[in-house]
Amino acid sequence: MKEGIHPNYREVCFVDLSNGSQFIIRSCANTKETIKLDDGRELPLFKLETSSESHPFYTGTQKSVDTMGGRVEKFRSRYARAGK
């Protein structure tokens, strides 16, 4: 393998800032911070705004469009005659 052309592929700790969940995977993500884990390892830290642990699509807490003040029903009643 040539020297200096490959990315730095190593274990990185990703932390979800919205709920504090952590997961460790191998990645090439550039990081400036490190984190000390419970098992004594010190890994690069990458902070995420949201992950599958907190995203509404994966957690099942997404809101229905119809619960926003009946906007869908207003639209349907307004344009029901136009479709006929």
PDB file of N, CA and C in Angstrom:
ATOM      1  N   MET A   1       0.835  -1.184   0.000  1.00  0.00           N
ATOM      2  CA  MET A   1       0.000   0.000   0.000  1.00  0.00           C
ATOM      3  C   MET A   1       0.878   1.244   0.000  1.00  0.00           C
ATOM      4  N   LYS A   2       0.442   2.256  -0.741  1.00  0.00           N
ATOM      5  CA  LYS A   2       1.176   3.515  -0.761  1.00  0.00           C
ATOM      6  C   LYS A   2       0.981   4.261   0.548  1.00  0.00           C
ATOM      7  N   GLU A   3       1.991   4.941   0.979  1.00  0.00           N
ATOM      8  CA  GLU A   3       1.936   5.732   2.200  1.00  0.00           C
ATOM      9  C   GLU A   3       1.283   7.084   1.942  1.00  0.00           C
ATOM     10  N   GLY A   4       0.480   7.560   2.882  1.00  0.00           N
ATOM     11  CA  GLY A   4      -0.060   8.911   2.847  1.00  0.00           C
ATOM     12  C   GLY A   4      -1.264   9.150   1.959  1.00  0.00           C
ATOM     13  N   ILE A   5      -1.825   8.108   1.333  1.00  0.00           N
ATOM     14  CA  ILE A   5      -2.983   8.342   0.461  1.00  0.00           C
ATOM     15  C   ILE A   5      -4.275   7.770   1.038  1.00  0.00           C
ATOM     16  N   HIS A   6      -4.191   7.002   2.130  1.00  0.00           N
ATOM     17  CA  HIS A   6      -5.368   6.361   2.692  1.00  0.00           C
ATOM     18  C   HIS A   6      -5.909   7.172   3.869  1.00  0.00           C
ATOM     19  N   PRO A   7      -7.235   7.215   4.023  1.00  0.00           N
ATOM     20  CA  PRO A   7      -7.814   7.956   5.152  1.00  0.00           C
ATOM     21  C   PRO A   7      -7.530   7.239   6.471  1.00  0.00           C
ATOM     22  N   ASN A   8      -7.665   7.981   7.545  1.00  0.00           N
ATOM     23  CA  ASN A   8      -7.441   7.448   8.885  1.00  0.00           C
ATOM     24  C   ASN A   8      -8.700   6.705   9.322  1.00  0.00           C
ATOM     25  N   TYR A   9      -8.736   5.400   9.098  1.00  0.00           N
ATOM     26  CA  TYR A   9      -9.899   4.563   9.397  1.00  0.00           C
ATOM     27  C   TYR A   9      -9.701   3.922  10.761  1.00  0.00           C
ATOM     28  N   ARG A  10     -10.535   4.334  11.740  1.00  0.00           N
ATOM     29  CA  ARG A  10     -10.364   3.854  13.103  1.00  0.00           C
ATOM     30  C   ARG A  10     -11.703   3.860  13.813  1.00  0.00           C
ATOM     31  N   GLU A  11     -11.723   3.326  15.041  1.00  0.00           N
ATOM     32  CA  GLU A  11     -12.949   3.342  15.827  1.00  0.00           C
ATOM     33  C   GLU A  11     -13.228   4.757  16.308  1.00  0.00           C
ATOM     34  N   VAL A  12     -14.499   5.193  16.165  1.00  0.00           N
ATOM     35  CA  VAL A  12     -14.922   6.527  16.570  1.00  0.00           C
ATOM     36  C   VAL A  12     -16.191   6.376  17.407  1.00  0.00           C
ATOM     37  N   CYS A  13     -16.289   7.147  18.478  1.00  0.00           N
ATOM     38  CA  CYS A  13     -17.484   7.159  19.319  1.00  0.00           C
ATOM     39  C   CYS A  13     -18.401   8.287  18.850  1.00  0.00           C
ATOM     40  N   PHE A  14     -19.607   7.941  18.435  1.00  0.00           N
ATOM     41  CA  PHE A  14     -20.606   8.914  18.018  1.00  0.00           C
ATOM     42  C   PHE A  14     -21.571   9.124  19.171  1.00  0.00           C
ATOM     43  N   VAL A  15     -21.848  10.390  19.513  1.00  0.00           N
ATOM     44  CA  VAL A  15     -22.740  10.720  20.618  1.00  0.00           C
ATOM     45  C   VAL A  15     -23.895  11.554  20.082  1.00  0.00           C
ATOM     46  N   ASP A  16     -25.124  11.110  20.378  1.00  0.00           N
ATOM     47  CA  ASP A  16     -26.334  11.839  20.014  1.00  0.00           C
ATOM     48  C   ASP A  16     -26.558  12.914  21.073  1.00  0.00           C
ATOM     49  N   LEU A  17     -26.508  14.183  20.689  1.00  0.00           N
ATOM     50  CA  LEU A  17     -26.628  15.281  21.644  1.00  0.00           C
ATOM     51  C   LEU A  17     -28.033  15.442  22.209  1.00  0.00           C
ATOM     52  N   SER A  18     -29.049  14.942  21.508  1.00  0.00           N
ATOM     53  CA  SER A  18     -30.418  15.133  21.976  1.00  0.00           C
ATOM     54  C   SER A  18     -30.788  14.192  23.121  1.00  0.00           C
ATOM     55  N   ASN A  19     -30.163  13.002  23.179  1.00  0.00           N
ATOM     56  CA  ASN A  19     -30.504  12.087  24.278  1.00  0.00           C
ATOM     57  C   ASN A  19     -29.290  11.442  24.935  1.00  0.00           C
ATOM     58  N   GLY A  20     -28.096  11.722  24.457  1.00  0.00           N
ATOM     59  CA  GLY A  20     -26.880  11.226  25.098  1.00  0.00           C
ATOM     60  C   GLY A  20     -26.487   9.805  24.757  1.00  0.00           C
ATOM     61  N   SER A  21     -27.178   9.160  23.832  1.00  0.00           N
ATOM     62  CA  SER A  21     -26.816   7.790  23.485  1.00  0.00           C
ATOM     63  C   SER A  21     -25.497   7.776  22.713  1.00  0.00           C
ATOM     64  N   GLN A  22     -24.731   6.707  22.904  1.00  0.00           N
ATOM     65  CA  GLN A  22     -23.425   6.568  22.270  1.00  0.00           C
ATOM     66  C   GLN A  22     -23.374   5.269  21.485  1.00  0.00           C
ATOM     67  N   PHE A  23     -22.643   5.283  20.370  1.00  0.00           N
ATOM     68  CA  PHE A  23     -22.346   4.049  19.661  1.00  0.00           C
ATOM     69  C   PHE A  23     -20.971   4.181  19.029  1.00  0.00           C
ATOM     70  N   ILE A  24     -20.295   3.063  18.934  1.00  0.00           N
ATOM     71  CA  ILE A  24     -18.922   3.026  18.433  1.00  0.00           C
ATOM     72  C   ILE A  24     -18.899   2.239  17.140  1.00  0.00           C
ATOM     73  N   ILE A  25     -18.389   2.883  16.098  1.00  0.00           N
ATOM     74  CA  ILE A  25     -18.196   2.221  14.814  1.00  0.00           C
ATOM     75  C   ILE A  25     -16.871   2.674  14.229  1.00  0.00           C
ATOM     76  N   ARG A  26     -16.418   1.977  13.232  1.00  0.00           N
ATOM     77  CA  ARG A  26     -15.195   2.385  12.551  1.00  0.00           C
ATOM     78  C   ARG A  26     -15.567   3.420  11.500  1.00  0.00           C
ATOM     79  N   SER A  27     -14.780   4.498  11.427  1.00  0.00           N
ATOM     80  CA  SER A  27     -15.112   5.605  10.546  1.00  0.00           C
ATOM     81  C   SER A  27     -13.862   6.389  10.179  1.00  0.00           C
ATOM     82  N   CYS A  28     -13.982   7.189   9.126  1.00  0.00           N
ATOM     83  CA  CYS A  28     -12.925   8.110   8.701  1.00  0.00           C
ATOM     84  C   CYS A  28     -13.257   9.548   9.089  1.00  0.00           C
ATOM     85  N   ALA A  29     -14.294   9.741   9.886  1.00  0.00           N
ATOM     86  CA  ALA A  29     -14.744  11.088  10.246  1.00  0.00           C
ATOM     87  C   ALA A  29     -13.643  11.846  10.977  1.00  0.00           C
ATOM     88  N   ASN A  30     -13.420  13.102  10.555  1.00  0.00           N
ATOM     89  CA  ASN A  30     -12.429  13.941  11.213  1.00  0.00           C
ATOM     90  C   ASN A  30     -12.999  14.464  12.519  1.00  0.00           C
ATOM     91  N   THR A  31     -12.240  14.335  13.593  1.00  0.00           N
ATOM     92  CA  THR A  31     -12.675  14.797  14.898  1.00  0.00           C
ATOM     93  C   THR A  31     -11.548  15.574  15.570  1.00  0.00           C
ATOM     94  N   LYS A  32     -11.925  16.463  16.466  1.00  0.00           N
ATOM     95  CA  LYS A  32     -10.947  17.228  17.234  1.00  0.00           C
ATOM     96  C   LYS A  32     -10.999  16.882  18.716  1.00  0.00           C
ATOM     97  N   GLU A  33     -12.096  16.233  19.146  1.00  0.00           N
ATOM     98  CA  GLU A  33     -12.283  15.904  20.554  1.00  0.00           C
ATOM     99  C   GLU A  33     -12.128  14.403  20.765  1.00  0.00           C
ATOM    100  N   THR A  34     -11.843  14.019  22.003  1.00  0.00           N
ATOM    101  CA  THR A  34     -11.796  12.616  22.380  1.00  0.00           C
ATOM    102  C   THR A  34     -12.690  12.405  23.588  1.00  0.00           C
ATOM    103  N   ILE A  35     -13.037  11.146  23.833  1.00  0.00           N
ATOM    104  CA  ILE A  35     -13.867  10.782  24.971  1.00  0.00           C
ATOM    105  C   ILE A  35     -13.250   9.564  25.648  1.00  0.00           C
ATOM    106  N   LYS A  36     -13.289   9.538  26.960  1.00  0.00           N
ATOM    107  CA  LYS A  36     -12.787   8.403  27.736  1.00  0.00           C
ATOM    108  C   LYS A  36     -13.982   7.528  28.073  1.00  0.00           C
ATOM    109  N   LEU A  37     -13.954   6.277  27.660  1.00  0.00           N
ATOM    110  CA  LEU A  37     -15.059   5.351  27.882  1.00  0.00           C
ATOM    111  C   LEU A  37     -14.919   4.649  29.227  1.00  0.00           C
ATOM    112  N   ASP A  38     -15.972   3.950  29.633  1.00  0.00           N
ATOM    113  CA  ASP A  38     -15.988   3.238  30.905  1.00  0.00           C
ATOM    114  C   ASP A  38     -14.946   2.120  30.964  1.00  0.00           C
ATOM    115  N   ASP A  39     -14.646   1.525  29.808  1.00  0.00           N
ATOM    116  CA  ASP A  39     -13.681   0.428  29.786  1.00  0.00           C
ATOM    117  C   ASP A  39     -12.226   0.905  29.727  1.00  0.00           C
ATOM    118  N   GLY A  40     -12.009   2.232  29.788  1.00  0.00           N
ATOM    119  CA  GLY A  40     -10.658   2.781  29.830  1.00  0.00           C
ATOM    120  C   GLY A  40     -10.113   3.232  28.486  1.00  0.00           C
ATOM    121  N   ARG A  41     -10.812   2.915  27.396  1.00  0.00           N
ATOM    122  CA  ARG A  41     -10.339   3.337  26.075  1.00  0.00           C
ATOM    123  C   ARG A  41     -10.609   4.817  25.868  1.00  0.00           C
ATOM    124  N   GLU A  42      -9.750   5.474  25.112  1.00  0.00           N
ATOM    125  CA  GLU A  42      -9.955   6.863  24.725  1.00  0.00           C
ATOM    126  C   GLU A  42     -10.111   6.893  23.214  1.00  0.00           C
ATOM    127  N   LEU A  43     -11.290   7.315  22.757  1.00  0.00           N
ATOM    128  CA  LEU A  43     -11.618   7.300  21.330  1.00  0.00           C
ATOM    129  C   LEU A  43     -11.930   8.702  20.842  1.00  0.00           C
ATOM    130  N   PRO A  44     -11.757   8.929  19.538  1.00  0.00           N
ATOM    131  CA  PRO A  44     -12.198  10.204  18.959  1.00  0.00           C
ATOM    132  C   PRO A  44     -13.713  10.342  19.117  1.00  0.00           C
ATOM    133  N   LEU A  45     -14.174  11.570  19.328  1.00  0.00           N
ATOM    134  CA  LEU A  45     -15.589  11.844  19.579  1.00  0.00           C
ATOM    135  C   LEU A  45     -16.180  12.627  18.424  1.00  0.00           C
ATOM    136  N   PHE A  46     -17.326  12.164  17.923  1.00  0.00           N
ATOM    137  CA  PHE A  46     -18.068  12.854  16.876  1.00  0.00           C
ATOM    138  C   PHE A  46     -19.471  13.101  17.405  1.00  0.00           C
ATOM    139  N   LYS A  47     -19.886  14.380  17.473  1.00  0.00           N
ATOM    140  CA  LYS A  47     -21.191  14.741  18.031  1.00  0.00           C
ATOM    141  C   LYS A  47     -22.235  14.846  16.919  1.00  0.00           C
ATOM    142  N   LEU A  48     -23.401  14.229  17.157  1.00  0.00           N
ATOM    143  CA  LEU A  48     -24.508  14.236  16.203  1.00  0.00           C
ATOM    144  C   LEU A  48     -25.686  14.994  16.787  1.00  0.00           C
ATOM    145  N   GLU A  49     -26.415  15.717  15.953  1.00  0.00           N
ATOM    146  CA  GLU A  49     -27.640  16.387  16.398  1.00  0.00           C
ATOM    147  C   GLU A  49     -28.754  15.370  16.614  1.00  0.00           C
ATOM    148  N   THR A  50     -28.845  14.387  15.733  1.00  0.00           N
ATOM    149  CA  THR A  50     -29.871  13.357  15.843  1.00  0.00           C
ATOM    150  C   THR A  50     -29.340  12.060  15.251  1.00  0.00           C
ATOM    151  N   SER A  51     -29.840  10.955  15.749  1.00  0.00           N
ATOM    152  CA  SER A  51     -29.469   9.642  15.243  1.00  0.00           C
ATOM    153  C   SER A  51     -30.728   8.780  15.211  1.00  0.00           C
ATOM    154  N   SER A  52     -30.569   7.509  14.911  1.00  0.00           N
ATOM    155  CA  SER A  52     -31.740   6.632  14.880  1.00  0.00           C
ATOM    156  C   SER A  52     -32.349   6.457  16.266  1.00  0.00           C
ATOM    157  N   GLU A  53     -31.606   6.768  17.322  1.00  0.00           N
ATOM    158  CA  GLU A  53     -32.134   6.680  18.685  1.00  0.00           C
ATOM    159  C   GLU A  53     -33.098   7.819  19.016  1.00  0.00           C
ATOM    160  N   SER A  54     -32.980   8.954  18.314  1.00  0.00           N
ATOM    161  CA  SER A  54     -33.814  10.108  18.659  1.00  0.00           C
ATOM    162  C   SER A  54     -34.643  10.647  17.496  1.00  0.00           C
ATOM    163  N   HIS A  55     -34.422  10.171  16.283  1.00  0.00           N
ATOM    164  CA  HIS A  55     -35.162  10.683  15.123  1.00  0.00           C
ATOM    165  C   HIS A  55     -36.616  10.206  15.179  1.00  0.00           C
ATOM    166  N   PRO A  56     -37.574  11.109  14.970  1.00  0.00           N
ATOM    167  CA  PRO A  56     -38.999  10.743  15.070  1.00  0.00           C
ATOM    168  C   PRO A  56     -39.415   9.604  14.150  1.00  0.00           C
ATOM    169  N   PHE A  57     -38.790   9.459  12.987  1.00  0.00           N
ATOM    170  CA  PHE A  57     -39.164   8.384  12.072  1.00  0.00           C
ATOM    171  C   PHE A  57     -38.853   7.022  12.687  1.00  0.00           C
ATOM    172  N   TYR A  58     -37.710   6.901  13.340  1.00  0.00           N
ATOM    173  CA  TYR A  58     -37.296   5.623  13.908  1.00  0.00           C
ATOM    174  C   TYR A  58     -37.911   5.358  15.276  1.00  0.00           C
ATOM    175  N   THR A  59     -38.239   6.390  16.025  1.00  0.00           N
ATOM    176  CA  THR A  59     -38.796   6.193  17.362  1.00  0.00           C
ATOM    177  C   THR A  59     -40.314   6.066  17.347  1.00  0.00           C
ATOM    178  N   GLY A  60     -40.949   6.419  16.223  1.00  0.00           N
ATOM    179  CA  GLY A  60     -42.400   6.301  16.122  1.00  0.00           C
ATOM    180  C   GLY A  60     -43.151   7.457  16.744  1.00  0.00           C
ATOM    181  N   THR A  61     -42.483   8.579  16.969  1.00  0.00           N
ATOM    182  CA  THR A  61     -43.129   9.729  17.592  1.00  0.00           C
ATOM    183  C   THR A  61     -43.420  10.845  16.600  1.00  0.00           C
ATOM    184  N   GLN A  62     -43.416  10.512  15.315  1.00  0.00           N
ATOM    185  CA  GLN A  62     -43.686  11.559  14.328  1.00  0.00           C
ATOM    186  C   GLN A  62     -45.146  11.969  14.382  1.00  0.00           C
ATOM    187  N   LYS A  63     -45.412  13.210  14.055  1.00  0.00           N
ATOM    188  CA  LYS A  63     -46.759  13.755  14.131  1.00  0.00           C
ATOM    189  C   LYS A  63     -47.478  13.588  12.804  1.00  0.00           C
ATOM    190  N   SER A  64     -48.745  13.360  12.889  1.00  0.00           N
ATOM    191  CA  SER A  64     -49.569  13.245  11.694  1.00  0.00           C
ATOM    192  C   SER A  64     -49.881  14.642  11.166  1.00  0.00           C
ATOM    193  N   VAL A  65     -49.975  14.759   9.867  1.00  0.00           N
ATOM    194  CA  VAL A  65     -50.280  16.049   9.260  1.00  0.00           C
ATOM    195  C   VAL A  65     -51.706  16.474   9.598  1.00  0.00           C
ATOM    196  N   ASP A  66     -52.584  15.517   9.794  1.00  0.00           N
ATOM    197  CA  ASP A  66     -53.989  15.817  10.037  1.00  0.00           C
ATOM    198  C   ASP A  66     -54.225  16.419  11.427  1.00  0.00           C
ATOM    199  N   THR A  67     -53.293  16.281  12.355  1.00  0.00           N
ATOM    200  CA  THR A  67     -53.488  16.803  13.701  1.00  0.00           C
ATOM    201  C   THR A  67     -53.092  18.267  13.820  1.00  0.00           C
ATOM    202  N   MET A  68     -52.757  18.897  12.745  1.00  0.00           N
ATOM    203  CA  MET A  68     -52.313  20.291  12.771  1.00  0.00           C
ATOM    204  C   MET A  68     -53.481  21.242  12.560  1.00  0.00           C
ATOM    205  N   GLY A  69     -54.495  21.143  13.361  1.00  0.00           N
ATOM    206  CA  GLY A  69     -55.614  22.073  13.300  1.00  0.00           C
ATOM    207  C   GLY A  69     -56.600  21.786  12.191  1.00  0.00           C
ATOM    208  N   GLY A  70     -56.656  20.582  11.676  1.00  0.00           N
ATOM    209  CA  GLY A  70     -57.614  20.217  10.651  1.00  0.00           C
ATOM    210  C   GLY A  70     -57.324  20.808   9.281  1.00  0.00           C
ATOM    211  N   ARG A  71     -56.089  21.108   8.996  1.00  0.00           N
ATOM    212  CA  ARG A  71     -55.735  21.717   7.710  1.00  0.00           C
ATOM    213  C   ARG A  71     -56.076  20.814   6.535  1.00  0.00           C
ATOM    214  N   VAL A  72     -55.860  19.522   6.716  1.00  0.00           N
ATOM    215  CA  VAL A  72     -56.158  18.583   5.633  1.00  0.00           C
ATOM    216  C   VAL A  72     -57.649  18.565   5.340  1.00  0.00           C
ATOM    217  N   GLU A  73     -58.454  18.543   6.384  1.00  0.00           N
ATOM    218  CA  GLU A  73     -59.910  18.543   6.197  1.00  0.00           C
ATOM    219  C   GLU A  73     -60.395  19.836   5.556  1.00  0.00           C
ATOM    220  N   LYS A  74     -59.821  20.953   5.931  1.00  0.00           N
ATOM    221  CA  LYS A  74     -60.182  22.237   5.308  1.00  0.00           C
ATOM    222  C   LYS A  74     -59.855  22.214   3.820  1.00  0.00           C
ATOM    223  N   PHE A  75     -58.696  21.667   3.478  1.00  0.00           N
ATOM    224  CA  PHE A  75     -58.297  21.577   2.077  1.00  0.00           C
ATOM    225  C   PHE A  75     -59.258  20.683   1.304  1.00  0.00           C
ATOM    226  N   ARG A  76     -59.552  19.528   1.855  1.00  0.00           N
ATOM    227  CA  ARG A  76     -60.452  18.589   1.178  1.00  0.00           C
ATOM    228  C   ARG A  76     -61.840  19.189   0.978  1.00  0.00           C
ATOM    229  N   SER A  77     -62.368  19.874   1.983  1.00  0.00           N
ATOM    230  CA  SER A  77     -63.707  20.444   1.845  1.00  0.00           C
ATOM    231  C   SER A  77     -63.707  21.611   0.854  1.00  0.00           C
ATOM    232  N   ARG A  78     -62.653  22.359   0.795  1.00  0.00           N
ATOM    233  CA  ARG A  78     -62.568  23.514  -0.095  1.00  0.00           C
ATOM    234  C   ARG A  78     -62.481  23.078  -1.552  1.00  0.00           C
ATOM    235  N   TYR A  79     -61.694  22.037  -1.826  1.00  0.00           N
ATOM    236  CA  TYR A  79     -61.463  21.626  -3.212  1.00  0.00           C
ATOM    237  C   TYR A  79     -62.185  20.335  -3.605  1.00  0.00           C
ATOM    238  N   ALA A  80     -63.166  19.907  -2.820  1.00  0.00           N
ATOM    239  CA  ALA A  80     -63.928  18.708  -3.137  1.00  0.00           C
ATOM    240  C   ALA A  80     -64.753  18.913  -4.396  1.00  0.00           C
ATOM    241  N   ARG A  81     -65.293  20.116  -4.568  1.00  0.00           N
ATOM    242  CA  ARG A  81     -66.120  20.403  -5.747  1.00  0.00           C
ATOM    243  C   ARG A  81     -65.288  20.525  -7.011  1.00  0.00           C
ATOM    244  N   ALA A  82     -64.034  20.921  -6.908  1.00  0.00           N
ATOM    245  CA  ALA A  82     -63.193  21.115  -8.082  1.00  0.00           C
ATOM    246  C   ALA A  82     -62.857  19.812  -8.773  1.00  0.00           C
ATOM    247  N   GLY A  83     -62.830  18.701  -8.032  1.00  0.00           N
ATOM    248  CA  GLY A  83     -62.484  17.405  -8.616  1.00  0.00           C
ATOM    249  C   GLY A  83     -63.623  16.764  -9.373  1.00  0.00           C
ATOM    250  N   LYS A  84     -64.853  17.272  -9.240  1.00  0.00           N
ATOM    251  CA  LYS A  84     -66.015  16.651  -9.895  1.00  0.00           C
ATOM    252  C   LYS A  84     -66.295  17.215 -11.237  1.00  0.00           C
TER     253      LYS A  84
END
